[in-house]
Amino acid sequence: MTETIYLDSGIFIAALIRRDGFHMQARELFGRCGLRWITSVLVLSECHSWFLHRHGEEAARRLRDFIAALNGIQLLGFMLDDHERTLHMLDRFRGAALTYVDAASLAIIEQRKIRTVWSTDHHLGLTGAEILPRS
């Protein structure tokens, strides 16, 4: 069975920004074979905004090209019931200073029983998933 990996915005940033402290680890992770990747439109929105506002339109385009080149990536939409699960996570982990996108990601990770998350954000391990890369 192929392992499903949840991708957070930090791993995309690390993979594409050479001076990022996790760059080499992120490139190594994306070089692995036999994995299924999953992320959400919220993560992509957050990541696209980050690239656009810090590095410009061409950097945001490179992000889109990078994601399009990931064979087998599953992109999850976001509906009203997802919003309710996100609010539950925000309440459940009150005091953890979660962003809405992180809470939505936690809901996905828990609901789908995902065990591994590629992220530079420790918050995404709150439901028990392993976070890679390790610092």
N, C-alpha and C. Protein backbone atom coordinates (compact mmCIF):
# COMPACT_ATOMS: atom_id res chain seq x y z
N MET A 1 0.83 -1.18 0.00
CA MET A 1 0.00 0.00 0.00
C MET A 1 0.89 1.25 0.00
N THR A 2 0.55 2.21 -0.82
CA THR A 2 1.31 3.44 -0.94
C THR A 2 0.95 4.39 0.19
N GLU A 3 1.98 4.95 0.82
CA GLU A 3 1.75 5.89 1.91
C GLU A 3 1.21 7.21 1.38
N THR A 4 0.24 7.77 2.10
CA THR A 4 -0.30 9.08 1.76
C THR A 4 0.39 10.13 2.62
N ILE A 5 0.91 11.15 1.97
CA ILE A 5 1.62 12.24 2.64
C ILE A 5 0.81 13.51 2.48
N TYR A 6 0.53 14.20 3.58
CA TYR A 6 -0.15 15.49 3.51
C TYR A 6 0.91 16.57 3.34
N LEU A 7 0.70 17.47 2.38
CA LEU A 7 1.64 18.54 2.09
C LEU A 7 1.11 19.88 2.60
N ASP A 8 1.93 20.56 3.39
CA ASP A 8 1.59 21.88 3.91
C ASP A 8 2.38 22.94 3.14
N SER A 9 1.98 24.17 3.26
CA SER A 9 2.61 25.25 2.49
C SER A 9 4.11 25.36 2.76
N GLY A 10 4.54 25.14 3.99
CA GLY A 10 5.95 25.27 4.32
C GLY A 10 6.86 24.37 3.51
N ILE A 11 6.38 23.17 3.15
CA ILE A 11 7.22 22.25 2.39
C ILE A 11 7.38 22.74 0.95
N PHE A 12 6.35 23.36 0.41
CA PHE A 12 6.46 23.94 -0.94
C PHE A 12 7.45 25.10 -0.93
N ILE A 13 7.35 25.94 0.09
CA ILE A 13 8.26 27.08 0.21
C ILE A 13 9.69 26.58 0.35
N ALA A 14 9.90 25.61 1.22
CA ALA A 14 11.24 25.07 1.42
C ALA A 14 11.80 24.45 0.14
N ALA A 15 10.97 23.77 -0.61
CA ALA A 15 11.44 23.12 -1.84
C ALA A 15 11.85 24.14 -2.90
N LEU A 16 11.18 25.27 -2.94
CA LEU A 16 11.41 26.24 -4.02
C LEU A 16 12.31 27.41 -3.64
N ILE A 17 12.57 27.63 -2.39
CA ILE A 17 13.42 28.74 -1.95
C ILE A 17 14.76 28.16 -1.46
N ARG A 18 15.80 28.35 -2.25
CA ARG A 18 17.11 27.74 -1.95
C ARG A 18 17.69 28.16 -0.60
N ARG A 19 17.42 29.36 -0.16
CA ARG A 19 18.00 29.83 1.11
C ARG A 19 17.17 29.39 2.33
N ASP A 20 16.06 28.71 2.10
CA ASP A 20 15.26 28.20 3.21
C ASP A 20 16.06 27.12 3.95
N GLY A 21 15.98 27.15 5.27
CA GLY A 21 16.72 26.21 6.09
C GLY A 21 16.35 24.74 5.87
N PHE A 22 15.18 24.48 5.31
CA PHE A 22 14.73 23.11 5.05
C PHE A 22 14.83 22.74 3.56
N HIS A 23 15.49 23.59 2.77
CA HIS A 23 15.49 23.39 1.31
C HIS A 23 16.01 22.00 0.90
N MET A 24 17.18 21.64 1.37
CA MET A 24 17.76 20.35 0.96
C MET A 24 16.90 19.18 1.42
N GLN A 25 16.38 19.25 2.62
CA GLN A 25 15.53 18.18 3.12
C GLN A 25 14.24 18.09 2.30
N ALA A 26 13.66 19.25 1.95
CA ALA A 26 12.44 19.25 1.16
C ALA A 26 12.70 18.66 -0.22
N ARG A 27 13.81 19.02 -0.85
CA ARG A 27 14.12 18.48 -2.18
C ARG A 27 14.30 16.96 -2.11
N GLU A 28 14.93 16.50 -1.04
CA GLU A 28 15.12 15.06 -0.87
C GLU A 28 13.76 14.37 -0.69
N LEU A 29 12.87 14.96 0.09
CA LEU A 29 11.56 14.36 0.29
C LEU A 29 10.80 14.26 -1.03
N PHE A 30 10.80 15.33 -1.81
CA PHE A 30 10.09 15.31 -3.09
C PHE A 30 10.75 14.38 -4.11
N GLY A 31 11.99 14.00 -3.87
CA GLY A 31 12.67 13.06 -4.76
C GLY A 31 12.33 11.61 -4.50
N ARG A 32 11.62 11.33 -3.43
CA ARG A 32 11.25 9.94 -3.11
C ARG A 32 10.19 9.43 -4.08
N CYS A 33 10.25 8.15 -4.33
CA CYS A 33 9.28 7.51 -5.24
C CYS A 33 8.23 6.74 -4.44
N GLY A 34 7.12 6.44 -5.09
CA GLY A 34 6.11 5.57 -4.54
C GLY A 34 5.25 6.19 -3.45
N LEU A 35 5.07 7.50 -3.49
CA LEU A 35 4.26 8.18 -2.48
C LEU A 35 3.03 8.79 -3.12
N ARG A 36 1.98 8.91 -2.33
CA ARG A 36 0.77 9.63 -2.74
C ARG A 36 0.72 10.92 -1.95
N TRP A 37 0.57 12.03 -2.65
CA TRP A 37 0.51 13.33 -1.98
C TRP A 37 -0.91 13.83 -1.96
N ILE A 38 -1.24 14.54 -0.88
CA ILE A 38 -2.56 15.13 -0.75
C ILE A 38 -2.38 16.50 -0.10
N THR A 39 -3.16 17.47 -0.55
CA THR A 39 -3.18 18.80 0.05
C THR A 39 -4.54 19.41 -0.23
N SER A 40 -4.74 20.62 0.26
CA SER A 40 -6.05 21.25 0.07
C SER A 40 -5.91 22.55 -0.72
N VAL A 41 -7.04 23.00 -1.25
CA VAL A 41 -7.04 24.27 -1.97
C VAL A 41 -6.69 25.42 -1.02
N LEU A 42 -6.99 25.26 0.26
CA LEU A 42 -6.62 26.30 1.23
C LEU A 42 -5.11 26.42 1.36
N VAL A 43 -4.43 25.29 1.43
CA VAL A 43 -2.96 25.30 1.50
C VAL A 43 -2.39 25.94 0.25
N LEU A 44 -2.91 25.56 -0.91
CA LEU A 44 -2.40 26.14 -2.15
C LEU A 44 -2.66 27.63 -2.22
N SER A 45 -3.81 28.07 -1.75
CA SER A 45 -4.12 29.49 -1.71
C SER A 45 -3.13 30.24 -0.82
N GLU A 46 -2.90 29.70 0.36
CA GLU A 46 -1.96 30.30 1.30
C GLU A 46 -0.55 30.38 0.70
N CYS A 47 -0.14 29.30 0.08
CA CYS A 47 1.19 29.22 -0.50
C CYS A 47 1.34 30.16 -1.70
N HIS A 48 0.33 30.18 -2.57
CA HIS A 48 0.36 31.07 -3.73
C HIS A 48 0.47 32.53 -3.27
N SER A 49 -0.30 32.90 -2.27
CA SER A 49 -0.24 34.27 -1.74
C SER A 49 1.14 34.58 -1.19
N TRP A 50 1.73 33.64 -0.49
CA TRP A 50 3.07 33.84 0.08
C TRP A 50 4.07 34.14 -1.02
N PHE A 51 4.09 33.31 -2.06
CA PHE A 51 5.03 33.52 -3.17
C PHE A 51 4.74 34.83 -3.91
N LEU A 52 3.49 35.08 -4.19
CA LEU A 52 3.10 36.28 -4.93
C LEU A 52 3.55 37.55 -4.20
N HIS A 53 3.27 37.64 -2.92
CA HIS A 53 3.54 38.87 -2.18
C HIS A 53 4.99 39.03 -1.75
N ARG A 54 5.74 37.94 -1.70
CA ARG A 54 7.14 38.05 -1.29
C ARG A 54 8.11 38.01 -2.48
N HIS A 55 7.70 37.30 -3.55
CA HIS A 55 8.65 37.09 -4.65
C HIS A 55 8.09 37.43 -6.03
N GLY A 56 6.80 37.77 -6.12
CA GLY A 56 6.22 38.20 -7.38
C GLY A 56 5.50 37.11 -8.15
N GLU A 57 4.92 37.53 -9.27
CA GLU A 57 4.08 36.64 -10.07
C GLU A 57 4.84 35.46 -10.65
N GLU A 58 6.09 35.65 -11.07
CA GLU A 58 6.83 34.53 -11.65
C GLU A 58 7.11 33.45 -10.62
N ALA A 59 7.38 33.85 -9.39
CA ALA A 59 7.59 32.86 -8.33
C ALA A 59 6.29 32.09 -8.06
N ALA A 60 5.16 32.79 -8.08
CA ALA A 60 3.87 32.12 -7.89
C ALA A 60 3.60 31.16 -9.04
N ARG A 61 4.00 31.53 -10.24
CA ARG A 61 3.86 30.65 -11.41
C ARG A 61 4.75 29.41 -11.26
N ARG A 62 5.97 29.59 -10.76
CA ARG A 62 6.86 28.44 -10.54
C ARG A 62 6.25 27.47 -9.52
N LEU A 63 5.60 28.02 -8.51
CA LEU A 63 4.90 27.16 -7.55
C LEU A 63 3.84 26.33 -8.26
N ARG A 64 3.03 26.98 -9.06
CA ARG A 64 1.97 26.25 -9.78
C ARG A 64 2.56 25.18 -10.68
N ASP A 65 3.67 25.49 -11.36
CA ASP A 65 4.33 24.51 -12.22
C ASP A 65 4.88 23.34 -11.41
N PHE A 66 5.46 23.64 -10.26
CA PHE A 66 6.00 22.61 -9.39
C PHE A 66 4.91 21.64 -8.95
N ILE A 67 3.79 22.19 -8.53
CA ILE A 67 2.66 21.36 -8.07
C ILE A 67 2.10 20.54 -9.22
N ALA A 68 1.97 21.15 -10.39
CA ALA A 68 1.45 20.43 -11.56
C ALA A 68 2.35 19.26 -11.95
N ALA A 69 3.64 19.35 -11.66
CA ALA A 69 4.58 18.29 -12.02
C ALA A 69 4.58 17.13 -11.02
N LEU A 70 3.91 17.29 -9.90
CA LEU A 70 3.85 16.21 -8.91
C LEU A 70 2.83 15.17 -9.38
N ASN A 71 3.33 14.06 -9.84
CA ASN A 71 2.45 13.00 -10.34
C ASN A 71 1.61 12.42 -9.23
N GLY A 72 0.30 12.44 -9.43
CA GLY A 72 -0.60 11.80 -8.49
C GLY A 72 -1.00 12.63 -7.30
N ILE A 73 -0.75 13.92 -7.31
CA ILE A 73 -1.16 14.73 -6.18
C ILE A 73 -2.69 14.87 -6.18
N GLN A 74 -3.26 14.74 -5.02
CA GLN A 74 -4.71 14.88 -4.87
C GLN A 74 -4.98 16.22 -4.19
N LEU A 75 -5.79 17.03 -4.83
CA LEU A 75 -6.14 18.34 -4.32
C LEU A 75 -7.57 18.30 -3.79
N LEU A 76 -7.72 18.59 -2.50
CA LEU A 76 -9.03 18.54 -1.86
C LEU A 76 -9.69 19.91 -1.88
N GLY A 77 -10.97 19.92 -2.21
CA GLY A 77 -11.76 21.14 -2.14
C GLY A 77 -12.14 21.44 -0.70
N PHE A 78 -12.96 22.46 -0.54
CA PHE A 78 -13.36 22.87 0.81
C PHE A 78 -14.83 23.26 0.77
N MET A 79 -15.62 22.61 1.61
CA MET A 79 -17.07 22.82 1.63
C MET A 79 -17.51 23.23 3.04
N LEU A 80 -18.79 23.47 3.20
CA LEU A 80 -19.33 23.93 4.48
C LEU A 80 -19.07 22.93 5.61
N ASP A 81 -19.18 21.62 5.35
CA ASP A 81 -18.91 20.65 6.41
C ASP A 81 -17.43 20.67 6.80
N ASP A 82 -16.55 20.99 5.85
CA ASP A 82 -15.13 21.14 6.17
C ASP A 82 -14.93 22.35 7.09
N HIS A 83 -15.69 23.39 6.85
CA HIS A 83 -15.63 24.58 7.71
C HIS A 83 -16.01 24.22 9.14
N GLU A 84 -17.04 23.41 9.31
CA GLU A 84 -17.47 22.99 10.65
C GLU A 84 -16.37 22.18 11.34
N ARG A 85 -15.72 21.28 10.62
CA ARG A 85 -14.63 20.49 11.20
C ARG A 85 -13.44 21.40 11.57
N THR A 86 -13.23 22.43 10.76
CA THR A 86 -12.15 23.38 11.04
C THR A 86 -12.43 24.16 12.32
N LEU A 87 -13.67 24.62 12.47
CA LEU A 87 -14.04 25.33 13.70
C LEU A 87 -13.86 24.43 14.92
N HIS A 88 -14.20 23.15 14.77
CA HIS A 88 -14.01 22.19 15.87
C HIS A 88 -12.53 22.11 16.25
N MET A 89 -11.66 22.05 15.26
CA MET A 89 -10.21 21.99 15.54
C MET A 89 -9.73 23.26 16.23
N LEU A 90 -10.23 24.40 15.80
CA LEU A 90 -9.83 25.66 16.44
C LEU A 90 -10.24 25.67 17.91
N ASP A 91 -11.42 25.13 18.22
CA ASP A 91 -11.86 25.03 19.61
C ASP A 91 -11.07 23.97 20.37
N ARG A 92 -10.86 22.85 19.74
CA ARG A 92 -10.16 21.73 20.38
C ARG A 92 -8.73 22.12 20.78
N PHE A 93 -8.06 22.87 19.93
CA PHE A 93 -6.67 23.25 20.19
C PHE A 93 -6.53 24.73 20.52
N ARG A 94 -7.54 25.23 21.21
CA ARG A 94 -7.52 26.63 21.65
C ARG A 94 -6.25 26.87 22.47
N GLY A 95 -5.60 27.98 22.18
CA GLY A 95 -4.35 28.29 22.87
C GLY A 95 -3.13 27.90 22.06
N ALA A 96 -3.30 27.14 21.00
CA ALA A 96 -2.18 26.71 20.16
C ALA A 96 -1.85 27.72 19.06
N ALA A 97 -2.63 28.80 18.98
CA ALA A 97 -2.42 29.85 17.96
C ALA A 97 -2.44 29.27 16.54
N LEU A 98 -3.44 28.43 16.28
CA LEU A 98 -3.59 27.84 14.95
C LEU A 98 -4.18 28.85 13.97
N THR A 99 -3.67 28.83 12.76
CA THR A 99 -4.34 29.57 11.70
C THR A 99 -5.54 28.75 11.24
N TYR A 100 -6.44 29.39 10.54
CA TYR A 100 -7.61 28.69 9.99
C TYR A 100 -7.15 27.57 9.05
N VAL A 101 -6.15 27.86 8.21
CA VAL A 101 -5.66 26.85 7.27
C VAL A 101 -5.04 25.67 8.01
N ASP A 102 -4.29 25.93 9.06
CA ASP A 102 -3.72 24.82 9.84
C ASP A 102 -4.82 23.99 10.50
N ALA A 103 -5.84 24.64 11.02
CA ALA A 103 -6.95 23.90 11.63
C ALA A 103 -7.67 23.06 10.59
N ALA A 104 -7.87 23.61 9.39
CA ALA A 104 -8.50 22.84 8.31
C ALA A 104 -7.63 21.65 7.93
N SER A 105 -6.32 21.86 7.89
CA SER A 105 -5.40 20.76 7.57
C SER A 105 -5.45 19.68 8.64
N LEU A 106 -5.48 20.08 9.91
CA LEU A 106 -5.59 19.10 10.99
C LEU A 106 -6.87 18.28 10.86
N ALA A 107 -7.96 18.92 10.48
CA ALA A 107 -9.22 18.18 10.31
C ALA A 107 -9.09 17.15 9.20
N ILE A 108 -8.44 17.51 8.11
CA ILE A 108 -8.22 16.58 7.00
C ILE A 108 -7.32 15.43 7.44
N ILE A 109 -6.23 15.76 8.10
CA ILE A 109 -5.26 14.76 8.55
C ILE A 109 -5.93 13.74 9.47
N GLU A 110 -6.72 14.24 10.40
CA GLU A 110 -7.40 13.35 11.34
C GLU A 110 -8.49 12.53 10.65
N GLN A 111 -9.30 13.18 9.85
CA GLN A 111 -10.42 12.50 9.19
C GLN A 111 -9.92 11.38 8.27
N ARG A 112 -8.83 11.63 7.57
CA ARG A 112 -8.30 10.66 6.61
C ARG A 112 -7.24 9.73 7.21
N LYS A 113 -7.00 9.91 8.51
CA LYS A 113 -6.03 9.07 9.24
C LYS A 113 -4.65 9.10 8.58
N ILE A 114 -4.23 10.29 8.20
CA ILE A 114 -2.92 10.47 7.57
C ILE A 114 -1.87 10.46 8.68
N ARG A 115 -0.83 9.68 8.47
CA ARG A 115 0.18 9.50 9.51
C ARG A 115 1.42 10.36 9.32
N THR A 116 1.65 10.86 8.09
CA THR A 116 2.86 11.64 7.81
C THR A 116 2.50 12.95 7.12
N VAL A 117 3.08 14.02 7.63
CA VAL A 117 2.86 15.36 7.08
C VAL A 117 4.22 15.96 6.74
N TRP A 118 4.31 16.52 5.54
CA TRP A 118 5.52 17.26 5.18
C TRP A 118 5.21 18.72 5.42
N SER A 119 5.87 19.29 6.40
CA SER A 119 5.58 20.66 6.83
C SER A 119 6.75 21.20 7.61
N THR A 120 6.88 22.50 7.64
CA THR A 120 7.85 23.13 8.51
C THR A 120 7.14 23.70 9.74
N ASP A 121 5.90 23.33 9.92
CA ASP A 121 5.05 23.84 11.01
C ASP A 121 4.73 22.70 11.98
N HIS A 122 5.19 22.81 13.21
CA HIS A 122 4.97 21.76 14.20
C HIS A 122 3.50 21.58 14.56
N HIS A 123 2.66 22.60 14.32
CA HIS A 123 1.24 22.50 14.67
C HIS A 123 0.54 21.32 13.99
N LEU A 124 1.01 20.95 12.84
CA LEU A 124 0.31 19.90 12.11
C LEU A 124 0.56 18.51 12.68
N GLY A 125 1.31 18.43 13.74
CA GLY A 125 1.47 17.18 14.46
C GLY A 125 0.57 17.05 15.68
N LEU A 126 -0.31 18.02 15.89
CA LEU A 126 -1.15 18.02 17.10
C LEU A 126 -2.09 16.82 17.20
N THR A 127 -2.44 16.20 16.08
CA THR A 127 -3.33 15.05 16.14
C THR A 127 -2.54 13.74 16.09
N GLY A 128 -1.21 13.83 16.16
CA GLY A 128 -0.40 12.62 16.24
C GLY A 128 0.38 12.26 14.99
N ALA A 129 0.23 13.00 13.92
CA ALA A 129 0.96 12.70 12.69
C ALA A 129 2.44 13.03 12.87
N GLU A 130 3.28 12.28 12.18
CA GLU A 130 4.73 12.55 12.16
C GLU A 130 4.97 13.73 11.20
N ILE A 131 5.80 14.67 11.62
CA ILE A 131 6.13 15.82 10.80
C ILE A 131 7.52 15.65 10.23
N LEU A 132 7.64 15.75 8.91
CA LEU A 132 8.93 15.73 8.22
C LEU A 132 9.03 16.99 7.37
N PRO A 133 10.17 17.59 7.19
CA PRO A 133 11.46 17.16 7.75
C PRO A 133 11.57 17.53 9.23
N ARG A 134 12.44 16.82 9.88
CA ARG A 134 12.70 17.13 11.29
C ARG A 134 13.77 18.20 11.35
N SER A 135 13.64 19.07 12.33
CA SER A 135 14.67 20.12 12.47
C SER A 135 15.87 19.64 13.24
